[in-house]
PDB file of N, CA and C in Angstrom:
ATOM      1  N   MET A   1      22.399  -0.337   4.892  1.00  0.00           N
ATOM      2  CA  MET A   1      22.191   1.044   5.287  1.00  0.00           C
ATOM      3  C   MET A   1      22.783   1.235   6.680  1.00  0.00           C
ATOM      4  N   GLN A   2      23.465   2.325   6.874  1.00  0.00           N
ATOM      5  CA  GLN A   2      24.101   2.566   8.159  1.00  0.00           C
ATOM      6  C   GLN A   2      23.133   3.264   9.127  1.00  0.00           C
ATOM      7  N   LEU A   3      23.433   3.157  10.417  1.00  0.00           N
ATOM      8  CA  LEU A   3      22.612   3.780  11.437  1.00  0.00           C
ATOM      9  C   LEU A   3      22.757   5.294  11.377  1.00  0.00           C
ATOM     10  N   GLN A   4      21.670   5.990  11.532  1.00  0.00           N
ATOM     11  CA  GLN A   4      21.692   7.445  11.509  1.00  0.00           C
ATOM     12  C   GLN A   4      21.012   7.952  12.773  1.00  0.00           C
ATOM     13  N   PRO A   5      21.791   8.446  13.731  1.00  0.00           N
ATOM     14  CA  PRO A   5      21.187   8.912  14.976  1.00  0.00           C
ATOM     15  C   PRO A   5      20.378  10.188  14.775  1.00  0.00           C
ATOM     16  N   THR A   6      19.345  10.351  15.594  1.00  0.00           N
ATOM     17  CA  THR A   6      18.531  11.554  15.585  1.00  0.00           C
ATOM     18  C   THR A   6      18.171  11.864  17.030  1.00  0.00           C
ATOM     19  N   THR A   7      17.822  13.093  17.316  1.00  0.00           N
ATOM     20  CA  THR A   7      17.554  13.526  18.684  1.00  0.00           C
ATOM     21  C   THR A   7      16.058  13.643  18.924  1.00  0.00           C
ATOM     22  N   ILE A   8      15.633  13.235  20.116  1.00  0.00           N
ATOM     23  CA  ILE A   8      14.230  13.383  20.509  1.00  0.00           C
ATOM     24  C   ILE A   8      14.056  14.787  21.086  1.00  0.00           C
ATOM     25  N   THR A   9      13.055  15.513  20.576  1.00  0.00           N
ATOM     26  CA  THR A   9      12.807  16.875  21.064  1.00  0.00           C
ATOM     27  C   THR A   9      12.062  16.824  22.392  1.00  0.00           C
ATOM     28  N   GLN A  10      11.877  17.998  22.992  1.00  0.00           N
ATOM     29  CA  GLN A  10      11.165  18.106  24.258  1.00  0.00           C
ATOM     30  C   GLN A  10       9.721  17.607  24.130  1.00  0.00           C
ATOM     31  N   LYS A  11       9.160  17.729  22.922  1.00  0.00           N
ATOM     32  CA  LYS A  11       7.789  17.270  22.670  1.00  0.00           C
ATOM     33  C   LYS A  11       7.738  15.784  22.298  1.00  0.00           C
ATOM     34  N   GLY A  12       8.870  15.104  22.301  1.00  0.00           N
ATOM     35  CA  GLY A  12       8.894  13.680  21.970  1.00  0.00           C
ATOM     36  C   GLY A  12       8.959  13.415  20.476  1.00  0.00           C
ATOM     37  N   GLN A  13       9.299  14.425  19.691  1.00  0.00           N
ATOM     38  CA  GLN A  13       9.345  14.278  18.246  1.00  0.00           C
ATOM     39  C   GLN A  13      10.766  13.961  17.784  1.00  0.00           C
ATOM     40  N   VAL A  14      10.848  13.244  16.669  1.00  0.00           N
ATOM     41  CA  VAL A  14      12.142  12.965  16.040  1.00  0.00           C
ATOM     42  C   VAL A  14      12.041  13.308  14.555  1.00  0.00           C
ATOM     43  N   THR A  15      13.153  13.624  13.977  1.00  0.00           N
ATOM     44  CA  THR A  15      13.211  13.879  12.537  1.00  0.00           C
ATOM     45  C   THR A  15      13.699  12.611  11.862  1.00  0.00           C
ATOM     46  N   ILE A  16      12.957  12.168  10.873  1.00  0.00           N
ATOM     47  CA  ILE A  16      13.386  11.001  10.106  1.00  0.00           C
ATOM     48  C   ILE A  16      14.403  11.496   9.077  1.00  0.00           C
ATOM     49  N   PRO A  17      15.618  10.971   9.110  1.00  0.00           N
ATOM     50  CA  PRO A  17      16.651  11.438   8.181  1.00  0.00           C
ATOM     51  C   PRO A  17      16.211  11.339   6.720  1.00  0.00           C
ATOM     52  N   ALA A  18      16.700  12.258   5.910  1.00  0.00           N
ATOM     53  CA  ALA A  18      16.304  12.352   4.501  1.00  0.00           C
ATOM     54  C   ALA A  18      16.552  11.048   3.743  1.00  0.00           C
ATOM     55  N   THR A  19      17.665  10.378   4.013  1.00  0.00           N
ATOM     56  CA  THR A  19      17.962   9.135   3.286  1.00  0.00           C
ATOM     57  C   THR A  19      16.911   8.061   3.589  1.00  0.00           C
ATOM     58  N   ILE A  20      16.424   8.026   4.829  1.00  0.00           N
ATOM     59  CA  ILE A  20      15.405   7.046   5.198  1.00  0.00           C
ATOM     60  C   ILE A  20      14.062   7.434   4.585  1.00  0.00           C
ATOM     61  N   ARG A  21      13.715   8.747   4.626  1.00  0.00           N
ATOM     62  CA  ARG A  21      12.465   9.200   3.999  1.00  0.00           C
ATOM     63  C   ARG A  21      12.455   8.865   2.520  1.00  0.00           C
ATOM     64  N   LYS A  22      13.588   9.063   1.881  1.00  0.00           N
ATOM     65  CA  LYS A  22      13.683   8.775   0.440  1.00  0.00           C
ATOM     66  C   LYS A  22      13.543   7.272   0.183  1.00  0.00           C
ATOM     67  N   ALA A  23      14.202   6.452   1.016  1.00  0.00           N
ATOM     68  CA  ALA A  23      14.143   4.998   0.841  1.00  0.00           C
ATOM     69  C   ALA A  23      12.723   4.469   1.043  1.00  0.00           C
ATOM     70  N   LEU A  24      11.955   5.103   1.951  1.00  0.00           N
ATOM     71  CA  LEU A  24      10.581   4.678   2.212  1.00  0.00           C
ATOM     72  C   LEU A  24       9.562   5.378   1.321  1.00  0.00           C
ATOM     73  N   GLY A  25      10.034   6.364   0.546  1.00  0.00           N
ATOM     74  CA  GLY A  25       9.127   7.105  -0.337  1.00  0.00           C
ATOM     75  C   GLY A  25       8.202   8.039   0.430  1.00  0.00           C
ATOM     76  N   LEU A  26       8.666   8.564   1.560  1.00  0.00           N
ATOM     77  CA  LEU A  26       7.846   9.447   2.395  1.00  0.00           C
ATOM     78  C   LEU A  26       7.958  10.894   1.947  1.00  0.00           C
ATOM     79  N   LYS A  27       6.822  11.577   1.992  1.00  0.00           N
ATOM     80  CA  LYS A  27       6.786  13.006   1.658  1.00  0.00           C
ATOM     81  C   LYS A  27       6.157  13.756   2.823  1.00  0.00           C
ATOM     82  N   THR A  28       6.255  15.066   2.814  1.00  0.00           N
ATOM     83  CA  THR A  28       5.652  15.902   3.843  1.00  0.00           C
ATOM     84  C   THR A  28       4.162  15.592   3.946  1.00  0.00           C
ATOM     85  N   GLY A  29       3.686  15.394   5.157  1.00  0.00           N
ATOM     86  CA  GLY A  29       2.274  15.099   5.368  1.00  0.00           C
ATOM     87  C   GLY A  29       1.950  13.611   5.407  1.00  0.00           C
ATOM     88  N   ASP A  30       2.874  12.760   4.958  1.00  0.00           N
ATOM     89  CA  ASP A  30       2.645  11.321   5.018  1.00  0.00           C
ATOM     90  C   ASP A  30       2.647  10.861   6.470  1.00  0.00           C
ATOM     91  N   GLN A  31       1.952   9.771   6.736  1.00  0.00           N
ATOM     92  CA  GLN A  31       1.935   9.208   8.079  1.00  0.00           C
ATOM     93  C   GLN A  31       2.776   7.950   8.113  1.00  0.00           C
ATOM     94  N   VAL A  32       3.357   7.695   9.291  1.00  0.00           N
ATOM     95  CA  VAL A  32       4.133   6.478   9.500  1.00  0.00           C
ATOM     96  C   VAL A  32       3.581   5.763  10.713  1.00  0.00           C
ATOM     97  N   LYS A  33       3.874   4.477  10.804  1.00  0.00           N
ATOM     98  CA  LYS A  33       3.495   3.727  11.995  1.00  0.00           C
ATOM     99  C   LYS A  33       4.762   3.138  12.603  1.00  0.00           C
ATOM    100  N   PHE A  34       4.747   3.052  13.932  1.00  0.00           N
ATOM    101  CA  PHE A  34       5.880   2.520  14.668  1.00  0.00           C
ATOM    102  C   PHE A  34       5.493   1.152  15.209  1.00  0.00           C
ATOM    103  N   ILE A  35       6.379   0.184  15.033  1.00  0.00           N
ATOM    104  CA  ILE A  35       6.138  -1.177  15.494  1.00  0.00           C
ATOM    105  C   ILE A  35       7.283  -1.559  16.424  1.00  0.00           C
ATOM    106  N   ILE A  36       6.939  -1.991  17.639  1.00  0.00           N
ATOM    107  CA  ILE A  36       7.954  -2.416  18.601  1.00  0.00           C
ATOM    108  C   ILE A  36       8.058  -3.935  18.527  1.00  0.00           C
ATOM    109  N   THR A  37       9.264  -4.428  18.277  1.00  0.00           N
ATOM    110  CA  THR A  37       9.483  -5.870  18.174  1.00  0.00           C
ATOM    111  C   THR A  37       9.715  -6.472  19.555  1.00  0.00           C
ATOM    112  N   ARG A  38       9.755  -7.795  19.619  1.00  0.00           N
ATOM    113  CA  ARG A  38      10.021  -8.476  20.896  1.00  0.00           C
ATOM    114  C   ARG A  38      11.408  -8.155  21.434  1.00  0.00           C
ATOM    115  N   LYS A  39      12.317  -7.807  20.534  1.00  0.00           N
ATOM    116  CA  LYS A  39      13.692  -7.470  20.929  1.00  0.00           C
ATOM    117  C   LYS A  39      13.822  -6.004  21.349  1.00  0.00           C
ATOM    118  N   LYS A  40      12.664  -5.331  21.529  1.00  0.00           N
ATOM    119  CA  LYS A  40      12.616  -3.915  21.923  1.00  0.00           C
ATOM    120  C   LYS A  40      13.248  -3.017  20.855  1.00  0.00           C
ATOM    121  N   GLU A  41      13.100  -3.423  19.600  1.00  0.00           N
ATOM    122  CA  GLU A  41      13.538  -2.597  18.489  1.00  0.00           C
ATOM    123  C   GLU A  41      12.294  -1.925  17.904  1.00  0.00           C
ATOM    124  N   VAL A  42      12.495  -0.773  17.301  1.00  0.00           N
ATOM    125  CA  VAL A  42      11.373  -0.043  16.704  1.00  0.00           C
ATOM    126  C   VAL A  42      11.532  -0.060  15.190  1.00  0.00           C
ATOM    127  N   LYS A  43      10.459  -0.461  14.518  1.00  0.00           N
ATOM    128  CA  LYS A  43      10.427  -0.420  13.060  1.00  0.00           C
ATOM    129  C   LYS A  43       9.517   0.728  12.646  1.00  0.00           C
ATOM    130  N   VAL A  44       9.914   1.447  11.617  1.00  0.00           N
ATOM    131  CA  VAL A  44       9.101   2.541  11.081  1.00  0.00           C
ATOM    132  C   VAL A  44       8.637   2.119   9.704  1.00  0.00           C
ATOM    133  N   LYS A  45       7.313   2.159   9.500  1.00  0.00           N
ATOM    134  CA  LYS A  45       6.751   1.791   8.202  1.00  0.00           C
ATOM    135  C   LYS A  45       5.801   2.888   7.743  1.00  0.00           C
ATOM    136  N   PRO A  46       5.731   3.111   6.433  1.00  0.00           N
ATOM    137  CA  PRO A  46       4.737   4.073   5.939  1.00  0.00           C
ATOM    138  C   PRO A  46       3.337   3.549   6.242  1.00  0.00           C
ATOM    139  N   ALA A  47       2.464   4.421   6.736  1.00  0.00           N
ATOM    140  CA  ALA A  47       1.075   4.049   6.965  1.00  0.00           C
ATOM    141  C   ALA A  47       0.362   4.104   5.622  1.00  0.00           C
ATOM    142  N   LYS A  48      -0.470   3.111   5.355  1.00  0.00           N
ATOM    143  CA  LYS A  48      -1.188   3.098   4.079  1.00  0.00           C
ATOM    144  C   LYS A  48      -2.230   4.196   4.078  1.00  0.00           C
ATOM    145  N   ARG A  49      -2.302   4.907   2.976  1.00  0.00           N
ATOM    146  CA  ARG A  49      -3.329   5.935   2.821  1.00  0.00           C
ATOM    147  C   ARG A  49      -4.629   5.249   2.461  1.00  0.00           C
ATOM    148  N   PHE A  50      -5.704   5.685   3.101  1.00  0.00           N
ATOM    149  CA  PHE A  50      -7.002   5.101   2.815  1.00  0.00           C
ATOM    150  C   PHE A  50      -7.611   5.790   1.600  1.00  0.00           C
ATOM    151  N   SER A  51      -8.107   5.000   0.713  1.00  0.00           N
ATOM    152  CA  SER A  51      -8.800   5.509  -0.460  1.00  0.00           C
ATOM    153  C   SER A  51     -10.097   4.732  -0.596  1.00  0.00           C
ATOM    154  N   ILE A  52     -11.151   5.437  -0.909  1.00  0.00           N
ATOM    155  CA  ILE A  52     -12.430   4.766  -1.102  1.00  0.00           C
ATOM    156  C   ILE A  52     -12.321   3.723  -2.212  1.00  0.00           C
ATOM    157  N   MET A  53     -11.450   3.987  -3.176  1.00  0.00           N
ATOM    158  CA  MET A  53     -11.282   3.044  -4.282  1.00  0.00           C
ATOM    159  C   MET A  53     -10.580   1.767  -3.820  1.00  0.00           C
ATOM    160  N   SER A  54      -9.901   1.811  -2.669  1.00  0.00           N
ATOM    161  CA  SER A  54      -9.264   0.592  -2.176  1.00  0.00           C
ATOM    162  C   SER A  54     -10.311  -0.430  -1.741  1.00  0.00           C
ATOM    163  N   LEU A  55     -11.533   0.025  -1.505  1.00  0.00           N
ATOM    164  CA  LEU A  55     -12.617  -0.878  -1.122  1.00  0.00           C
ATOM    165  C   LEU A  55     -13.329  -1.475  -2.331  1.00  0.00           C
ATOM    166  N   TYR A  56     -13.083  -0.914  -3.513  1.00  0.00           N
ATOM    167  CA  TYR A  56     -13.774  -1.358  -4.712  1.00  0.00           C
ATOM    168  C   TYR A  56     -13.510  -2.844  -4.951  1.00  0.00           C
ATOM    169  N   GLY A  57     -14.580  -3.595  -5.078  1.00  0.00           N
ATOM    170  CA  GLY A  57     -14.464  -5.024  -5.343  1.00  0.00           C
ATOM    171  C   GLY A  57     -14.329  -5.888  -4.107  1.00  0.00           C
ATOM    172  N   SER A  58     -14.308  -5.280  -2.920  1.00  0.00           N
ATOM    173  CA  SER A  58     -14.137  -6.077  -1.711  1.00  0.00           C
ATOM    174  C   SER A  58     -15.415  -6.806  -1.307  1.00  0.00           C
ATOM    175  N   LEU A  59     -16.557  -6.336  -1.785  1.00  0.00           N
ATOM    176  CA  LEU A  59     -17.831  -7.001  -1.509  1.00  0.00           C
ATOM    177  C   LEU A  59     -18.443  -7.490  -2.810  1.00  0.00           C
ATOM    178  N   LYS A  60     -19.078  -8.627  -2.742  1.00  0.00           N
ATOM    179  CA  LYS A  60     -19.733  -9.162  -3.929  1.00  0.00           C
ATOM    180  C   LYS A  60     -21.058  -8.421  -4.125  1.00  0.00           C
ATOM    181  N   PRO A  61     -21.273  -7.808  -5.275  1.00  0.00           N
ATOM    182  CA  PRO A  61     -22.520  -7.069  -5.493  1.00  0.00           C
ATOM    183  C   PRO A  61     -23.706  -8.014  -5.660  1.00  0.00           C
ATOM    184  N   LYS A  62     -24.879  -7.537  -5.232  1.00  0.00           N
ATOM    185  CA  LYS A  62     -26.097  -8.326  -5.415  1.00  0.00           C
ATOM    186  C   LYS A  62     -26.580  -8.239  -6.857  1.00  0.00           C
ATOM    187  N   VAL A  63     -26.258  -7.159  -7.514  1.00  0.00           N
ATOM    188  CA  VAL A  63     -26.602  -6.980  -8.924  1.00  0.00           C
ATOM    189  C   VAL A  63     -25.327  -6.646  -9.680  1.00  0.00           C
ATOM    190  N   LYS A  64     -25.366  -6.816 -10.973  1.00  0.00           N
ATOM    191  CA  LYS A  64     -24.196  -6.509 -11.787  1.00  0.00           C
ATOM    192  C   LYS A  64     -23.966  -4.994 -11.768  1.00  0.00           C
ATOM    193  N   PRO A  65     -22.751  -4.541 -11.420  1.00  0.00           N
ATOM    194  CA  PRO A  65     -22.493  -3.106 -11.366  1.00  0.00           C
ATOM    195  C   PRO A  65     -22.569  -2.462 -12.750  1.00  0.00           C
ATOM    196  N   LYS A  66     -23.049  -1.207 -12.764  1.00  0.00           N
ATOM    197  CA  LYS A  66     -23.152  -0.474 -14.023  1.00  0.00           C
ATOM    198  C   LYS A  66     -21.792   0.028 -14.486  1.00  0.00           C
ATOM    199  N   PHE A  67     -20.895   0.257 -13.526  1.00  0.00           N
ATOM    200  CA  PHE A  67     -19.608   0.858 -13.847  1.00  0.00           C
ATOM    201  C   PHE A  67     -18.454  -0.061 -13.470  1.00  0.00           C
ATOM    202  N   THR A  68     -17.403  -0.027 -14.274  1.00  0.00           N
ATOM    203  CA  THR A  68     -16.142  -0.649 -13.882  1.00  0.00           C
ATOM    204  C   THR A  68     -15.416   0.370 -13.012  1.00  0.00           C
ATOM    205  N   GLY A  69     -14.322  -0.016 -12.416  1.00  0.00           N
ATOM    206  CA  GLY A  69     -13.559   0.900 -11.568  1.00  0.00           C
ATOM    207  C   GLY A  69     -13.157   2.165 -12.303  1.00  0.00           C
ATOM    208  N   GLN A  70     -12.627   2.013 -13.514  1.00  0.00           N
ATOM    209  CA  GLN A  70     -12.180   3.177 -14.284  1.00  0.00           C
ATOM    210  C   GLN A  70     -13.350   4.054 -14.699  1.00  0.00           C
ATOM    211  N   ARG A  71     -14.471   3.436 -15.082  1.00  0.00           N
ATOM    212  CA  ARG A  71     -15.660   4.224 -15.457  1.00  0.00           C
ATOM    213  C   ARG A  71     -16.216   4.970 -14.256  1.00  0.00           C
ATOM    214  N   LEU A  72     -16.140   4.333 -13.084  1.00  0.00           N
ATOM    215  CA  LEU A  72     -16.615   4.973 -11.861  1.00  0.00           C
ATOM    216  C   LEU A  72     -15.776   6.211 -11.544  1.00  0.00           C
ATOM    217  N   ILE A  73     -14.467   6.099 -11.675  1.00  0.00           N
ATOM    218  CA  ILE A  73     -13.582   7.239 -11.438  1.00  0.00           C
ATOM    219  C   ILE A  73     -13.903   8.360 -12.420  1.00  0.00           C
ATOM    220  N   LYS A  74     -14.063   8.016 -13.690  1.00  0.00           N
ATOM    221  CA  LYS A  74     -14.362   9.024 -14.712  1.00  0.00           C
ATOM    222  C   LYS A  74     -15.708   9.701 -14.431  1.00  0.00           C
ATOM    223  N   TRP A  75     -16.727   8.892 -14.063  1.00  0.00           N
ATOM    224  CA  TRP A  75     -18.042   9.442 -13.745  1.00  0.00           C
ATOM    225  C   TRP A  75     -17.956  10.391 -12.562  1.00  0.00           C
ATOM    226  N   GLU A  76     -17.189   9.991 -11.528  1.00  0.00           N
ATOM    227  CA  GLU A  76     -17.045  10.827 -10.338  1.00  0.00           C
ATOM    228  C   GLU A  76     -16.363  12.149 -10.681  1.00  0.00           C
ATOM    229  N   GLU A  77     -15.343  12.094 -11.537  1.00  0.00           N
ATOM    230  CA  GLU A  77     -14.640  13.321 -11.945  1.00  0.00           C
ATOM    231  C   GLU A  77     -15.578  14.271 -12.678  1.00  0.00           C
ATOM    232  N   GLN A  78     -16.502  13.724 -13.458  1.00  0.00           N
ATOM    233  CA  GLN A  78     -17.451  14.556 -14.199  1.00  0.00           C
ATOM    234  C   GLN A  78     -18.584  15.036 -13.303  1.00  0.00           C
ATOM    235  N   ALA A  79     -19.029  14.196 -12.373  1.00  0.00           N
ATOM    236  CA  ALA A  79     -20.174  14.533 -11.522  1.00  0.00           C
ATOM    237  C   ALA A  79     -19.815  15.571 -10.470  1.00  0.00           C
ATOM    238  N   TRP A  80     -18.590  15.558  -9.988  1.00  0.00           N
ATOM    239  CA  TRP A  80     -18.202  16.478  -8.917  1.00  0.00           C
ATOM    240  C   TRP A  80     -18.348  17.936  -9.346  1.00  0.00           C
ATOM    241  N   PRO A  81     -17.793  18.368 -10.480  1.00  0.00           N
ATOM    242  CA  PRO A  81     -17.968  19.770 -10.886  1.00  0.00           C
ATOM    243  C   PRO A  81     -19.436  20.135 -11.098  1.00  0.00           C
ATOM    244  N   LYS A  82     -20.228  19.185 -11.641  1.00  0.00           N
ATOM    245  CA  LYS A  82     -21.651  19.457 -11.856  1.00  0.00           C
ATOM    246  C   LYS A  82     -22.341  19.726 -10.525  1.00  0.00           C
ATOM    247  N   ALA A  83     -22.007  18.943  -9.511  1.00  0.00           N
ATOM    248  CA  ALA A  83     -22.614  19.131  -8.196  1.00  0.00           C
ATOM    249  C   ALA A  83     -22.208  20.472  -7.604  1.00  0.00           C
ATOM    250  N   ALA A  84     -20.960  20.857  -7.820  1.00  0.00           N
ATOM    251  CA  ALA A  84     -20.494  22.153  -7.306  1.00  0.00           C
ATOM    252  C   ALA A  84     -21.225  23.298  -8.004  1.00  0.00           C
ATOM    253  N   VAL A  85     -21.442  23.186  -9.308  1.00  0.00           N
ATOM    254  CA  VAL A  85     -22.160  24.209 -10.065  1.00  0.00           C
ATOM    255  C   VAL A  85     -23.597  24.308  -9.576  1.00  0.00           C
ATOM    256  N   GLU A  86     -24.242  23.166  -9.359  1.00  0.00           N
ATOM    257  CA  GLU A  86     -25.623  23.167  -8.857  1.00  0.00           C
ATOM    258  C   GLU A  86     -25.700  23.844  -7.492  1.00  0.00           C
ATOM    259  N   LYS A  87     -24.735  23.573  -6.641  1.00  0.00           N
ATOM    260  CA  LYS A  87     -24.727  24.207  -5.314  1.00  0.00           C
ATOM    261  C   LYS A  87     -24.558  25.717  -5.452  1.00  0.00           C
ATOM    262  N   ASP A  88     -23.652  26.140  -6.340  1.00  0.00           N
ATOM    263  CA  ASP A  88     -23.446  27.576  -6.571  1.00  0.00           C
ATOM    264  C   ASP A  88     -24.722  28.236  -7.090  1.00  0.00           C
ATOM    265  N   LYS A  89     -25.416  27.557  -7.999  1.00  0.00           N
ATOM    266  CA  LYS A  89     -26.664  28.115  -8.535  1.00  0.00           C
ATOM    267  C   LYS A  89     -27.712  28.247  -7.429  1.00  0.00           C
ATOM    268  N   ARG A  90     -27.785  27.242  -6.556  1.00  0.00           N
ATOM    269  CA  ARG A  90     -28.740  27.277  -5.458  1.00  0.00           C
ATOM    270  C   ARG A  90     -28.436  28.442  -4.514  1.00  0.00           C
ATOM    271  N   ILE A  91     -27.175  28.669  -4.214  1.00  0.00           N
ATOM    272  CA  ILE A  91     -26.768  29.785  -3.351  1.00  0.00           C
ATOM    273  C   ILE A  91     -27.103  31.107  -4.024  1.00  0.00           C
ATOM    274  N   LEU A  92     -26.840  31.221  -5.327  1.00  0.00           N
ATOM    275  CA  LEU A  92     -27.129  32.442  -6.068  1.00  0.00           C
ATOM    276  C   LEU A  92     -28.626  32.741  -6.056  1.00  0.00           C
ATOM    277  N   ARG A  93     -29.453  31.703  -6.242  1.00  0.00           N
ATOM    278  CA  ARG A  93     -30.905  31.903  -6.187  1.00  0.00           C
ATOM    279  C   ARG A  93     -31.343  32.399  -4.817  1.00  0.00           C
ATOM    280  N   GLN A  94     -30.748  31.856  -3.775  1.00  0.00           N
ATOM    281  CA  GLN A  94     -31.082  32.288  -2.414  1.00  0.00           C
ATOM    282  C   GLN A  94     -30.699  33.753  -2.202  1.00  0.00           C
ATOM    283  N   LEU A  95     -29.544  34.125  -2.722  1.00  0.00           N
ATOM    284  CA  LEU A  95     -29.098  35.512  -2.573  1.00  0.00           C
ATOM    285  C   LEU A  95     -29.991  36.476  -3.353  1.00  0.00           C
ATOM    286  N   GLN A  96     -30.471  36.056  -4.512  1.00  0.00           N
ATOM    287  CA  GLN A  96     -31.336  36.906  -5.317  1.00  0.00           C
ATOM    288  C   GLN A  96     -32.685  37.091  -4.648  1.00  0.00           C
ATOM    289  N   ASN A  97     -33.136  36.128  -3.874  1.00  0.00           N
ATOM    290  CA  ASN A  97     -34.421  36.231  -3.175  1.00  0.00           C
ATOM    291  C   ASN A  97     -34.299  36.916  -1.823  1.00  0.00           C
ATOM    292  N   TYR A  98     -33.084  37.214  -1.414  1.00  0.00           N
ATOM    293  CA  TYR A  98     -32.852  37.859  -0.131  1.00  0.00           C
ATOM    294  C   TYR A  98     -33.328  39.306  -0.192  1.00  0.00           C
ATOM    295  N   PRO A  99     -34.005  39.826   0.853  1.00  0.00           N
ATOM    296  CA  PRO A  99     -34.446  41.222   0.801  1.00  0.00           C
ATOM    297  C   PRO A  99     -33.238  42.165   0.810  1.00  0.00           C
ATOM    298  N   LYS A 100     -33.318  43.183  -0.039  1.00  0.00           N
ATOM    299  CA  LYS A 100     -32.223  44.168  -0.140  1.00  0.00           C
ATOM    300  C   LYS A 100     -32.431  45.231   0.943  1.00  0.00           C
ATOM    301  N   THR A 101     -31.317  45.617   1.551  1.00  0.00           N
ATOM    302  CA  THR A 101     -31.376  46.695   2.573  1.00  0.00           C
ATOM    303  C   THR A 101     -30.960  47.995   1.931  1.00  0.00           C
ATOM    304  N   LYS A 102     -31.574  49.096   2.391  1.00  0.00           N
ATOM    305  CA  LYS A 102     -31.233  50.413   1.831  1.00  0.00           C
ATOM    306  C   LYS A 102     -30.272  51.149   2.704  1.00  0.00           C
TER     307      LYS A 102
END
C-alpha cells in the first residue's frame, strides 16, 4: 500500500483516506486507536467495540447456567419489548389517575 498524505486541521483532526478506511473495515462512528512505536511511527488500529456478550463465558459459573449464549440472546430479544410494553402500561395508568384540569 502506498503512502497517502493527509492534512492536520486547526483542531488537530485528520481524515483517514477512504482506501485505508476500507482496508481496516472502518465505518462512520467507529473508533480507532493510535499507537506510537519506538521508531516514532504511528499505527492506526480499529478500536474493539465492547459488547456485553463478549464477556459471556469469561467467568466460571457457580451453578449450571439456564441459557446458552444463543438462548440468552433470543430471551433478551423477547424480554426487551415486553419490558417496554410494561413501562408504557405503567405510564398510561399514571396518566389515567392524573387529575384532569378544566
